[in-house]
N, C-alpha and C. Protein backbone atom coordinates (compact mmCIF):
# COMPACT_ATOMS: atom_id res chain seq x y z
N UNK A 1 0.77 -1.28 0.00
CA UNK A 1 -0.25 0.06 0.29
C UNK A 1 0.87 1.17 -0.05
N UNK A 2 2.05 1.08 0.75
CA UNK A 2 2.79 2.28 0.74
C UNK A 2 3.31 2.66 -0.21
N UNK A 3 3.76 1.71 -1.21
CA UNK A 3 4.36 1.29 -2.69
C UNK A 3 3.25 2.31 -3.32
N UNK A 4 2.24 2.00 -3.68
CA UNK A 4 1.30 2.69 -4.43
C UNK A 4 1.01 4.09 -3.91
N UNK A 5 0.98 4.36 -2.63
CA UNK A 5 0.86 5.71 -2.71
C UNK A 5 1.84 6.51 -3.04
N UNK A 6 3.29 6.15 -2.76
CA UNK A 6 4.52 6.56 -3.88
C UNK A 6 4.31 6.36 -4.97
N UNK A 7 3.77 5.86 -5.74
CA UNK A 7 3.51 5.82 -7.29
C UNK A 7 2.62 6.89 -7.38
N UNK A 8 1.90 6.93 -6.68
CA UNK A 8 0.22 7.71 -6.79
C UNK A 8 0.98 9.80 -6.83
N UNK A 9 1.60 9.31 -5.91
CA UNK A 9 2.28 11.01 -5.24
C UNK A 9 3.13 11.36 -6.56
N UNK A 10 3.77 10.29 -7.43
CA UNK A 10 5.09 10.98 -7.84
C UNK A 10 4.62 10.82 -9.46
N UNK A 11 3.18 10.06 -9.66
CA UNK A 11 2.21 10.72 -10.58
C UNK A 11 1.93 11.82 -10.48
N UNK A 12 1.28 12.37 -9.41
CA UNK A 12 0.93 13.71 -9.61
C UNK A 12 1.94 15.07 -9.84
N UNK A 13 3.00 14.10 -9.29
CA UNK A 13 3.87 15.48 -9.20
C UNK A 13 4.76 15.53 -10.74
N UNK A 14 4.85 14.58 -11.65
CA UNK A 14 5.23 14.52 -13.16
C UNK A 14 4.19 14.93 -14.12
N UNK A 15 2.81 14.72 -13.56
CA UNK A 15 1.94 15.66 -14.13
C UNK A 15 1.83 16.80 -14.19
N UNK A 16 2.16 17.36 -12.50
CA UNK A 16 2.03 18.89 -12.71
C UNK A 16 3.10 19.71 -13.22
N UNK A 17 4.32 18.64 -13.22
CA UNK A 17 5.65 19.08 -13.87
C UNK A 17 5.27 19.57 -15.67
N UNK A 18 4.72 18.27 -15.78
CA UNK A 18 4.19 18.57 -17.64
C UNK A 18 3.29 19.74 -17.76
N UNK A 19 2.24 19.70 -17.06
CA UNK A 19 1.25 21.34 -17.21
C UNK A 19 2.31 22.50 -17.46
N UNK A 20 2.90 22.26 -16.27
CA UNK A 20 3.39 23.80 -15.53
C UNK A 20 4.83 23.87 -16.99
N UNK A 21 5.15 22.91 -17.67
CA UNK A 21 5.92 23.48 -18.51
C UNK A 21 5.38 24.13 -20.07
N UNK A 22 4.08 23.70 -19.87
CA UNK A 22 3.28 23.79 -21.23
C UNK A 22 2.69 25.13 -21.41
N UNK A 23 2.70 25.57 -20.26
CA UNK A 23 2.03 27.48 -20.11
C UNK A 23 3.76 28.55 -19.73
N UNK A 24 4.66 27.71 -20.60
CA UNK A 24 5.57 28.72 -20.18
C UNK A 24 5.04 30.55 -21.35
N UNK A 25 6.11 31.21 -21.07
CA UNK A 25 5.60 32.76 -21.57
C UNK A 25 6.19 32.35 -23.25
N UNK A 26 4.99 32.66 -23.75
CA UNK A 26 5.26 33.00 -25.44
C UNK A 26 5.05 34.58 -26.15
N UNK A 27 5.75 35.05 -26.98
CA UNK A 27 5.04 36.27 -27.48
C UNK A 27 4.76 37.02 -27.28
N UNK A 28 4.11 37.86 -26.38
CA UNK A 28 2.59 38.40 -26.43
C UNK A 28 2.26 39.24 -27.36
N UNK A 29 2.82 40.07 -27.68
CA UNK A 29 2.77 40.99 -28.94
C UNK A 29 4.44 41.39 -29.36
N UNK A 30 3.95 41.50 -30.94
CA UNK A 30 4.99 41.39 -31.92
C UNK A 30 4.48 42.58 -32.64
N UNK A 31 5.53 43.38 -33.60
CA UNK A 31 5.65 44.67 -34.39
C UNK A 31 6.47 44.47 -35.59
N UNK A 32 6.55 45.00 -36.28
CA UNK A 32 7.26 45.06 -37.34
C UNK A 32 7.21 46.80 -37.89
N UNK A 33 8.28 47.11 -38.39
CA UNK A 33 7.84 48.47 -39.91
C UNK A 33 8.50 48.45 -40.87
N UNK A 34 7.85 48.75 -41.51
CA UNK A 34 7.48 48.46 -43.04
C UNK A 34 7.93 49.82 -43.58
N UNK A 35 9.05 50.10 -44.53
CA UNK A 35 9.47 51.27 -45.31
C UNK A 35 8.34 51.57 -46.36
N UNK A 36 7.80 52.47 -46.87
CA UNK A 36 7.12 52.98 -48.21
C UNK A 36 7.48 54.04 -48.29
N UNK A 37 8.99 54.07 -49.59
CA UNK A 37 9.87 55.12 -49.48
C UNK A 37 8.39 55.88 -50.60
N UNK A 38 8.49 57.44 -50.72
CA UNK A 38 8.23 58.15 -51.13
C UNK A 38 6.57 58.35 -51.28
N UNK A 39 6.04 57.72 -49.96
CA UNK A 39 4.54 58.32 -49.66
C UNK A 39 4.73 59.16 -48.19
N UNK A 40 3.69 59.95 -48.51
CA UNK A 40 3.54 60.74 -47.06
C UNK A 40 2.69 60.13 -46.04
N UNK A 41 2.43 60.83 -44.82
CA UNK A 41 1.88 60.12 -43.91
C UNK A 41 0.44 59.86 -44.20
N UNK A 42 0.05 61.13 -44.89
CA UNK A 42 -1.35 61.30 -45.27
C UNK A 42 -1.45 60.37 -46.18
N UNK A 43 -0.87 60.07 -47.38
CA UNK A 43 -0.93 59.37 -48.46
C UNK A 43 -1.11 57.40 -47.74
N UNK A 44 -0.23 57.43 -46.50
CA UNK A 44 0.08 55.73 -46.18
C UNK A 44 -1.24 55.82 -45.64
N UNK A 45 -1.65 56.76 -44.89
CA UNK A 45 -3.13 56.44 -44.06
C UNK A 45 -4.13 56.38 -44.50
N UNK A 46 -4.23 56.98 -45.57
CA UNK A 46 -5.48 56.93 -46.69
C UNK A 46 -5.33 55.16 -47.30
N UNK A 47 -4.19 55.15 -47.79
CA UNK A 47 -4.11 53.69 -48.36
C UNK A 47 -4.56 52.59 -47.15
N UNK A 48 -3.86 52.82 -46.69
CA UNK A 48 -4.52 51.92 -45.68
C UNK A 48 -5.36 51.62 -44.72
N UNK A 49 -6.27 52.79 -44.76
CA UNK A 49 -7.87 53.12 -44.51
C UNK A 49 -8.41 52.05 -45.58
N UNK A 50 -7.90 52.46 -47.09
CA UNK A 50 -8.39 51.75 -47.88
C UNK A 50 -7.97 50.03 -47.47
N UNK A 51 -7.29 49.64 -47.65
CA UNK A 51 -6.75 48.52 -47.26
C UNK A 51 -7.78 47.46 -46.40
N UNK A 52 -7.82 48.60 -45.30
CA UNK A 52 -8.80 47.78 -44.12
C UNK A 52 -10.35 47.83 -44.37
N UNK A 53 -10.56 48.88 -45.27
CA UNK A 53 -11.68 48.72 -45.60
C UNK A 53 -12.54 47.51 -47.03
N UNK A 54 -11.18 47.13 -47.37
CA UNK A 54 -11.47 46.11 -48.40
C UNK A 54 -11.13 44.65 -47.85
N UNK A 55 -10.57 44.35 -46.93
CA UNK A 55 -10.05 43.21 -46.18
C UNK A 55 -10.78 42.64 -45.21
N UNK A 56 -11.53 43.50 -44.76
CA UNK A 56 -12.18 43.06 -43.45
C UNK A 56 -13.59 42.83 -43.47
N UNK A 57 -14.30 41.98 -43.12
CA UNK A 57 -15.87 42.28 -43.76
C UNK A 57 -16.54 43.69 -42.86
N UNK A 58 -16.46 44.30 -41.95
CA UNK A 58 -17.05 45.39 -42.16
C UNK A 58 -15.82 46.67 -41.18
N UNK A 59 -15.32 47.42 -42.01
CA UNK A 59 -14.30 48.51 -41.33
C UNK A 59 -14.70 49.11 -40.38
N UNK A 60 -15.95 49.53 -40.06
CA UNK A 60 -17.05 49.93 -39.22
C UNK A 60 -16.78 49.29 -37.90
N UNK A 61 -16.98 48.04 -37.63
CA UNK A 61 -17.03 47.44 -36.44
C UNK A 61 -15.81 46.90 -36.43
N UNK A 62 -14.52 47.04 -37.35
CA UNK A 62 -13.05 46.14 -36.91
C UNK A 62 -12.24 47.54 -36.35
N UNK A 63 -12.50 48.78 -36.29
CA UNK A 63 -12.09 49.92 -36.21
C UNK A 63 -12.11 50.35 -34.75
N UNK A 64 -11.56 50.41 -33.61
CA UNK A 64 -11.89 50.91 -32.13
C UNK A 64 -11.80 52.41 -32.14
N UNK A 65 -10.00 52.73 -32.77
CA UNK A 65 -9.70 54.14 -33.11
C UNK A 65 -9.51 54.68 -34.51
N UNK A 66 -9.84 55.74 -34.76
CA UNK A 66 -9.26 56.09 -36.03
C UNK A 66 -8.61 57.59 -35.35
N UNK A 67 -7.43 57.97 -35.48
CA UNK A 67 -6.97 59.31 -35.48
C UNK A 67 -6.03 59.75 -36.32
N UNK A 68 -6.35 60.39 -38.26
CA UNK A 68 -5.91 60.51 -38.66
C UNK A 68 -4.81 61.45 -38.53
N UNK A 69 -4.67 62.57 -37.35
CA UNK A 69 -4.11 63.44 -37.52
C UNK A 69 -2.72 62.76 -36.72
N UNK A 70 -2.94 61.77 -36.00
CA UNK A 70 -2.01 61.23 -35.52
C UNK A 70 -1.54 60.37 -36.06
N UNK A 71 -1.73 59.48 -37.08
CA UNK A 71 -1.46 58.93 -37.73
C UNK A 71 -1.55 57.60 -37.19
N UNK A 72 -2.47 57.37 -36.34
CA UNK A 72 -2.80 56.28 -35.46
C UNK A 72 -4.35 55.02 -35.66
N UNK A 73 -4.41 53.94 -36.01
CA UNK A 73 -5.19 53.74 -36.70
C UNK A 73 -5.50 52.28 -35.57
N UNK A 74 -6.37 51.72 -34.80
CA UNK A 74 -6.56 50.67 -33.78
C UNK A 74 -7.80 49.96 -34.07
N UNK A 75 -7.09 48.27 -34.50
CA UNK A 75 -8.47 47.61 -34.98
C UNK A 75 -8.30 46.17 -34.44
N UNK A 76 -9.56 45.85 -34.18
CA UNK A 76 -9.73 44.13 -34.10
C UNK A 76 -10.24 43.55 -35.29
N UNK A 77 -9.12 42.32 -35.07
CA UNK A 77 -9.70 41.69 -36.45
C UNK A 77 -9.53 39.68 -36.08
N UNK A 78 -9.78 39.11 -37.24
CA UNK A 78 -9.90 37.32 -36.99
C UNK A 78 -9.40 36.83 -38.18
N UNK A 79 -8.50 35.92 -38.01
CA UNK A 79 -8.16 35.12 -38.97
C UNK A 79 -8.39 34.07 -38.80
N UNK A 80 -8.07 32.84 -39.71
CA UNK A 80 -8.36 31.68 -39.43
C UNK A 80 -6.57 31.11 -39.03
N UNK A 81 -6.74 30.42 -38.39
CA UNK A 81 -5.37 29.32 -38.04
C UNK A 81 -4.66 28.92 -38.93
N UNK A 82 -3.78 29.16 -38.97
CA UNK A 82 -2.80 28.32 -40.29
C UNK A 82 -2.40 27.22 -40.14
N UNK A 83 -2.81 26.50 -41.25
CA UNK A 83 -2.70 24.78 -40.97
C UNK A 83 -2.22 24.56 -42.24
N UNK A 84 -1.59 23.29 -42.63
CA UNK A 84 -1.42 22.40 -43.74
C UNK A 84 -1.72 20.88 -43.44
N UNK A 85 -2.21 20.18 -44.18
CA UNK A 85 -2.44 18.60 -44.39
C UNK A 85 -3.04 18.49 -43.50
N UNK A 86 -2.27 17.31 -42.68
CA UNK A 86 -3.59 16.56 -42.01
C UNK A 86 -3.38 17.32 -40.46
N UNK A 87 -2.55 18.18 -40.34
CA UNK A 87 -2.45 19.31 -39.30
C UNK A 87 -3.77 20.18 -38.70
N UNK A 88 -4.19 20.27 -40.48
CA UNK A 88 -6.00 20.65 -40.43
C UNK A 88 -7.02 19.77 -39.58
N UNK A 89 -6.77 18.70 -39.18
CA UNK A 89 -7.54 17.89 -38.41
C UNK A 89 -8.12 18.06 -37.00
N UNK A 90 -6.84 18.32 -36.36
CA UNK A 90 -7.12 18.96 -34.96
C UNK A 90 -7.39 20.80 -34.53
N UNK A 91 -6.67 21.33 -36.02
CA UNK A 91 -7.12 22.85 -35.50
C UNK A 91 -8.00 23.88 -36.63
N UNK A 92 -8.78 22.89 -37.39
CA UNK A 92 -9.18 23.80 -38.63
C UNK A 92 -10.19 24.61 -38.63
N UNK A 93 -10.89 23.94 -37.88
CA UNK A 93 -11.22 25.21 -37.24
C UNK A 93 -11.43 26.65 -36.13
N UNK A 94 -10.14 26.44 -35.71
CA UNK A 94 -9.67 27.16 -35.07
C UNK A 94 -9.41 28.42 -35.55
N UNK A 95 -9.77 30.02 -34.83
CA UNK A 95 -10.01 31.09 -35.35
C UNK A 95 -9.13 31.92 -34.20
N UNK A 96 -8.30 33.32 -34.76
CA UNK A 96 -7.21 33.71 -33.87
C UNK A 96 -7.42 35.66 -33.98
N UNK A 97 -8.59 35.42 -33.07
CA UNK A 97 -8.61 37.23 -32.99
C UNK A 97 -7.61 37.92 -32.10
N UNK A 98 -7.66 39.03 -32.67
CA UNK A 98 -6.27 39.76 -32.18
C UNK A 98 -6.60 41.23 -32.10
N UNK A 99 -5.66 42.14 -31.93
CA UNK A 99 -5.89 43.58 -32.14
C UNK A 99 -4.75 43.75 -32.73
N UNK A 100 -4.64 45.17 -33.91
CA UNK A 100 -3.78 45.46 -34.85
C UNK A 100 -4.04 46.80 -34.71
N UNK A 101 -2.51 47.28 -34.66
CA UNK A 101 -2.30 49.05 -34.15
C UNK A 101 -1.74 49.19 -35.49
N UNK A 102 -1.82 50.74 -36.08
CA UNK A 102 -1.27 50.81 -37.19
C UNK A 102 -0.50 52.55 -36.82
N UNK A 103 0.97 52.52 -36.75
CA UNK A 103 1.20 53.66 -36.58
C UNK A 103 1.74 54.31 -37.91
N UNK A 104 1.25 55.85 -38.74
CA UNK A 104 2.01 55.71 -39.93
C UNK A 104 2.69 57.15 -39.52
N UNK A 105 4.20 57.15 -40.35
CA UNK A 105 4.81 58.56 -40.58
C UNK A 105 5.15 58.56 -41.78
N UNK A 106 6.01 59.76 -42.10
CA UNK A 106 5.99 59.59 -43.70
C UNK A 106 6.87 58.54 -43.72
N UNK A 107 6.70 58.02 -44.92
CA UNK A 107 7.75 56.82 -45.78
C UNK A 107 7.86 55.60 -45.09
N UNK A 108 6.55 55.49 -43.88
CA UNK A 108 7.19 53.94 -42.71
C UNK A 108 5.96 53.82 -42.20
N UNK A 109 5.77 52.40 -41.94
CA UNK A 109 4.22 52.65 -40.87
C UNK A 109 5.01 51.19 -40.30
N UNK A 110 3.87 51.09 -39.01
CA UNK A 110 4.02 50.04 -38.08
C UNK A 110 3.00 49.45 -37.86
N UNK A 111 3.11 48.17 -37.86
CA UNK A 111 2.06 46.99 -37.72
C UNK A 111 2.70 46.76 -36.31
N UNK A 112 1.62 46.50 -35.41
CA UNK A 112 1.52 46.12 -33.82
C UNK A 112 0.39 45.27 -33.73
N UNK A 113 0.95 44.30 -33.35
CA UNK A 113 -0.63 42.84 -33.01
C UNK A 113 -0.23 42.55 -31.43
N UNK A 114 -1.58 42.69 -30.71
CA UNK A 114 -1.43 41.95 -29.53
C UNK A 114 -2.88 41.21 -29.20
N UNK A 115 -2.95 41.00 -28.08
CA UNK A 115 -4.36 40.38 -27.72
C UNK A 115 -4.68 39.09 -28.56
N UNK A 116 -3.47 38.46 -28.80
CA UNK A 116 -3.95 37.31 -29.59
C UNK A 116 -4.77 35.80 -29.02
N UNK A 117 -5.81 35.51 -29.01
CA UNK A 117 -6.57 34.79 -28.68
C UNK A 117 -6.44 33.26 -29.72
N UNK A 118 -7.09 32.30 -29.41
CA UNK A 118 -7.48 31.11 -29.97
C UNK A 118 -8.76 30.73 -29.53
N UNK A 119 -10.04 30.80 -30.40
CA UNK A 119 -11.01 30.44 -30.14
C UNK A 119 -11.90 29.02 -31.65
N UNK A 120 -12.13 28.38 -30.72
CA UNK A 120 -12.82 27.09 -31.91
C UNK A 120 -14.72 27.25 -31.60
N UNK A 121 -15.12 26.60 -33.02
CA UNK A 121 -16.84 26.90 -32.69
C UNK A 121 -16.61 25.98 -31.43
N UNK A 122 -17.88 26.31 -30.28
CA UNK A 122 -18.26 26.12 -29.49
C UNK A 122 -17.50 26.11 -28.16
N UNK A 123 -16.25 26.72 -28.02
CA UNK A 123 -15.29 26.66 -27.04
C UNK A 123 -15.05 28.59 -27.10
N UNK A 124 -14.98 28.95 -26.34
CA UNK A 124 -14.70 30.44 -25.41
C UNK A 124 -12.97 30.84 -25.94
N UNK A 125 -13.07 32.02 -26.15
CA UNK A 125 -12.01 32.55 -26.25
C UNK A 125 -10.37 32.17 -25.46
N UNK A 126 -9.29 31.81 -25.70
CA UNK A 126 -8.11 31.97 -24.73
C UNK A 126 -6.83 32.22 -25.66
N UNK A 127 -6.15 33.17 -24.30
CA UNK A 127 -5.22 33.56 -24.65
C UNK A 127 -4.01 32.18 -25.38
N UNK A 128 -3.46 32.68 -26.03
CA UNK A 128 -2.55 31.56 -26.48
C UNK A 128 -1.60 31.68 -25.57
N UNK A 129 -1.02 30.27 -25.28
CA UNK A 129 0.04 30.12 -24.40
C UNK A 129 1.36 29.52 -25.11
N UNK A 130 1.26 28.98 -26.23
CA UNK A 130 2.40 27.99 -27.03
C UNK A 130 2.97 29.41 -27.78
N UNK A 131 4.39 29.39 -27.37
CA UNK A 131 5.26 29.47 -29.03
C UNK A 131 5.06 29.61 -30.33
N UNK A 132 5.09 28.38 -30.53
CA UNK A 132 4.75 27.74 -31.48
C UNK A 132 3.38 28.03 -32.31
N UNK A 133 2.23 28.29 -32.00
CA UNK A 133 1.48 28.86 -32.19
C UNK A 133 1.66 29.95 -32.52
N UNK A 134 2.06 30.87 -31.79
CA UNK A 134 2.41 32.08 -32.57
C UNK A 134 3.23 32.45 -33.80
N UNK A 135 4.17 31.51 -33.40
CA UNK A 135 5.02 31.33 -34.73
C UNK A 135 4.53 31.08 -36.14
N UNK A 136 3.57 30.43 -35.76
CA UNK A 136 2.83 29.85 -37.18
C UNK A 136 1.85 31.08 -37.42
N UNK A 137 1.29 32.17 -36.15
CA UNK A 137 0.34 32.74 -36.76
C UNK A 137 0.87 34.36 -37.02
N UNK A 138 2.70 34.61 -36.75
CA UNK A 138 3.54 35.80 -36.58
C UNK A 138 3.58 36.07 -37.93
N UNK A 139 3.74 35.57 -39.43
CA UNK A 139 4.15 35.70 -40.33
C UNK A 139 2.56 35.74 -41.18
N UNK A 140 1.27 35.12 -40.55
CA UNK A 140 0.08 35.50 -41.57
C UNK A 140 -0.37 37.17 -41.43
N UNK A 141 -0.07 37.63 -39.80
CA UNK A 141 -0.59 38.76 -39.76
C UNK A 141 0.51 39.79 -40.04
N UNK A 142 1.83 39.83 -39.82
CA UNK A 142 2.80 40.26 -40.84
C UNK A 142 2.79 40.48 -41.76
N UNK A 143 2.17 39.65 -42.63
CA UNK A 143 2.08 40.01 -44.27
C UNK A 143 0.92 41.00 -44.58
N UNK A 144 0.00 41.45 -43.48
CA UNK A 144 -0.86 42.65 -43.87
C UNK A 144 -0.18 43.45 -44.55
N UNK A 145 0.88 43.70 -43.58
CA UNK A 145 2.12 45.14 -44.01
C UNK A 145 2.33 45.00 -45.35
N UNK A 146 3.14 44.25 -46.05
CA UNK A 146 2.99 43.38 -47.51
C UNK A 146 1.91 44.17 -48.38
N UNK A 147 0.92 43.33 -47.87
CA UNK A 147 -0.34 44.04 -48.77
C UNK A 147 -0.98 45.28 -48.37
N UNK A 148 -0.53 46.09 -47.27
CA UNK A 148 -1.03 47.40 -47.58
C UNK A 148 0.37 48.33 -48.29
N UNK A 149 1.83 48.20 -48.63
CA UNK A 149 2.59 48.52 -49.78
C UNK A 149 1.60 48.48 -50.82
N UNK A 150 1.38 46.57 -51.11
CA UNK A 150 0.76 46.90 -52.28
C UNK A 150 0.21 47.62 -53.07
N UNK A 151 -1.07 47.51 -52.18
CA UNK A 151 -2.50 48.54 -51.74
C UNK A 151 -2.06 49.94 -52.02
N UNK A 152 -1.19 50.59 -51.82
CA UNK A 152 -0.71 51.74 -52.26
C UNK A 152 0.08 51.97 -53.31
N UNK A 153 0.59 50.98 -53.74
CA UNK A 153 1.34 50.94 -55.49
C UNK A 153 0.12 51.03 -56.27
N UNK A 154 -0.90 50.13 -55.57
CA UNK A 154 -1.86 50.13 -56.68
C UNK A 154 -2.94 51.26 -56.80
N UNK A 155 -3.15 52.14 -55.58
CA UNK A 155 -4.09 53.14 -55.47
C UNK A 155 -3.06 54.11 -56.46
N UNK A 156 -1.66 53.98 -56.14
CA UNK A 156 -0.94 55.03 -56.66
C UNK A 156 -1.67 54.94 -58.47
N UNK A 157 -1.01 53.92 -58.97
CA UNK A 157 -1.41 53.38 -60.36
C UNK A 157 -3.03 53.81 -60.80
N UNK A 158 -3.62 53.74 -59.82
CA UNK A 158 -4.87 53.48 -60.47
C UNK A 158 -5.45 55.26 -60.49
N UNK A 159 -4.84 56.01 -59.58
CA UNK A 159 -5.43 57.36 -59.25
C UNK A 159 -4.94 57.95 -60.22
N UNK A 160 -3.33 57.74 -60.74
CA UNK A 160 -2.91 58.25 -62.14
C UNK A 160 -3.48 57.81 -63.19
N UNK A 161 -4.23 56.84 -63.15
CA UNK A 161 -4.73 56.22 -64.86
C UNK A 161 -5.81 57.36 -65.08
N UNK A 162 -6.71 58.08 -64.00
CA UNK A 162 -7.95 57.94 -64.11
C UNK A 162 -7.56 59.43 -65.03
């Protein structure tokens, strides 16, 4: 009986160690500065607003703070969790809500992401605890910057063609 008790306590200790290591600190916020040479603060801001309107279901429900004078836009969005192949069987329905902040200056802008969550159908949103999840989501979100630059260039071409 004493051996069983010791084995039981050992198992509890081992399981508690396993779960303790799963919730390591992961990157909670990240940002990237994108160069937009030849564009003024106002041009970048207007192009960014067009990009938000075209890429989110409802720009009005996404935007939390809109300060054109300061070159600041804060909004909330949701993307699908990136997965490929068989990995999608377990995470295919996952969604990733996030907060996006865009700071604009002449010739550049900064995209910052925070409040990353994971949600699945029928489950409540929860913070991301694993760095591996952040590492999969980060390139998807940072690609928004390249999309904004592409939109700026397209807007410049279409404006000059009229």
